[in-house]
Amino acid sequence: MVFVTVGNAKRGFQRLLNAVESLAADGIFNEKKVFIQSGHNPAFHPRFCEHKPFISMDEFDHWMEKAELIICHGGCTQLTAIRLGKVPVVMPRLEKYDEHINDHQVQLVRALAAEGRIVPAYEPEEFERAISEAWKRNAHPIPPPTSPMLSLLAQAITELSRQRA
């Protein structure tokens, strides 16, 4: 099962959603179920994936634990995947596409990719390669980091995002 999440940011993330839907239409996920938490993207109506705009924290935890592959934005979701011992495919939201107010997600994605904890896909045309790489890495996952830094960072990001909501 593949779980895709764009989080709850108020700005849309159609770029990621359209890329996943296109790959699902092309059969890249090999008949595996693809469930998407699609967020604030009311124009998104997939034909090849299941989706809900928003899910509860219990549902989120369920999908994160159950997923064989996680595809997500560059926020705290990637840190949750890492803590679960998974290697997610991560596309950062970019300011130039009006997906975020700045490019801070790129910095976090680059740092985690340099450590081999995630597989980045900065643009849709990079998804197929990134997904292939993530399948390989998840077959032999690296242990979650023992440092409490990721947990502290995830907590700080979550708290900041709740303050802005």
Foldseek 3Di string as FASTA:
>chain_A
DEEEEADADQAFDVQVVVLVLVCLVVCLVVPDAYEYCGHNDVVDDHDRHHYDVDDDPVVVVVCLLPHLEYEYELALVLLVNLQSQAAYEYEYQDVVVVRDVHRPSVVSVVVCVVVVRYQYDPGSVCVSVRVVVRNVCSVPTDHRDPDCVSVVRSVVRVVVVVVVD
